[in-house]
Amino acid sequence: MRGALVHISLSSILDPQERQRLQAIPTGLTIPYEDVDQLVSSGEHLVQQNETIRGLISDLGGPAVAVAVQARPRLAPK
């Protein structure tokens, strides 16, 4: 079995406006729900498109990387 250290970063987002908006989200204990959703979605996309991860899955005999993004129940604001 092979392993790899994979660096996933918002700086890899190709769209400069989306990248700048996401990088500008302050870290803290409270982040608006729509920002959390966008960060999660962007992270999933970066993982799905990462060539190293795709290669590891292929080496393990797994299917092509096609992760279905499922809608998550949204938490009601408090």
Protein backbone atom coordinates (compact mmCIF):
# COMPACT_ATOMS: atom_id res chain seq x y z
CA MET A 1 0.00 0.00 0.00
CA ARG A 2 1.26 3.46 -0.80
CA GLY A 3 0.56 6.71 0.94
CA ALA A 4 1.14 10.36 0.24
CA LEU A 5 1.05 13.66 2.04
CA VAL A 6 -1.31 15.91 0.10
CA HIS A 7 -1.47 19.66 0.60
CA ILE A 8 -4.92 21.11 -0.12
CA SER A 9 -5.16 24.89 -0.05
CA LEU A 10 -7.65 27.59 -0.94
CA SER A 11 -4.80 29.15 -2.90
CA SER A 12 -5.33 26.34 -5.45
CA ILE A 13 -8.78 27.67 -6.39
CA LEU A 14 -8.51 28.88 -9.96
CA ASP A 15 -11.22 31.55 -9.89
CA PRO A 16 -9.47 34.62 -8.39
CA GLN A 17 -12.67 36.21 -7.06
CA GLU A 18 -13.83 33.01 -5.36
CA ARG A 19 -10.31 32.39 -3.97
CA GLN A 20 -10.05 35.91 -2.53
CA ARG A 21 -13.55 35.77 -1.02
CA LEU A 22 -12.90 32.44 0.69
CA GLN A 23 -9.45 33.47 1.92
CA ALA A 24 -10.97 36.62 3.42
CA ILE A 25 -13.38 34.68 5.67
CA PRO A 26 -12.13 35.24 9.21
CA THR A 27 -11.49 32.19 11.32
CA GLY A 28 -13.33 32.10 14.59
CA LEU A 29 -15.95 30.31 16.57
CA THR A 30 -18.77 31.67 14.44
CA ILE A 31 -18.82 31.67 10.67
CA PRO A 32 -21.99 32.41 8.68
CA TYR A 33 -23.69 29.26 7.38
CA GLU A 34 -23.35 30.28 3.74
CA ASP A 35 -19.59 30.74 4.20
CA VAL A 36 -19.30 27.31 5.82
CA ASP A 37 -21.22 25.76 2.93
CA GLN A 38 -18.95 27.47 0.37
CA LEU A 39 -15.78 26.46 2.20
CA VAL A 40 -16.91 22.83 2.43
CA SER A 41 -17.96 22.76 -1.22
CA SER A 42 -14.65 24.27 -2.36
CA GLY A 43 -12.70 21.83 -0.21
CA GLU A 44 -14.58 18.86 -1.65
CA HIS A 45 -13.88 20.12 -5.16
CA LEU A 46 -10.16 20.55 -4.45
CA VAL A 47 -9.93 17.02 -3.03
CA GLN A 48 -11.83 15.55 -6.00
CA GLN A 49 -9.54 17.28 -8.49
CA ASN A 50 -6.22 16.55 -6.72
CA GLU A 51 -4.04 14.41 -8.98
CA THR A 52 -2.19 12.76 -6.08
CA ILE A 53 -5.44 11.65 -4.44
CA ARG A 54 -6.80 10.45 -7.78
CA GLY A 55 -3.60 8.43 -8.29
CA LEU A 56 -3.82 6.86 -4.83
CA ILE A 57 -7.41 5.80 -5.44
CA SER A 58 -6.46 4.39 -8.84
CA ASP A 59 -3.52 2.47 -7.32
CA LEU A 60 -5.91 0.93 -4.80
CA GLY A 61 -8.11 -0.28 -7.63
CA GLY A 62 -10.86 2.12 -6.69
CA PRO A 63 -13.31 3.71 -9.07
CA ALA A 64 -12.59 6.99 -10.76
CA VAL A 65 -12.87 9.86 -8.33
CA ALA A 66 -16.44 11.05 -8.52
CA VAL A 67 -17.59 12.00 -5.08
CA ALA A 68 -21.25 12.92 -4.94
CA VAL A 69 -21.82 15.96 -2.85
CA GLN A 70 -24.88 15.40 -0.72
CA ALA A 71 -26.94 18.23 0.63
CA ARG A 72 -26.39 18.63 4.33
CA PRO A 73 -29.18 19.62 6.64
CA ARG A 74 -28.72 23.21 7.58
CA LEU A 75 -28.66 24.16 11.21
CA ALA A 76 -31.17 26.74 12.28
CA PRO A 77 -29.50 30.00 13.33
CA LYS A 78 -29.64 30.56 17.08
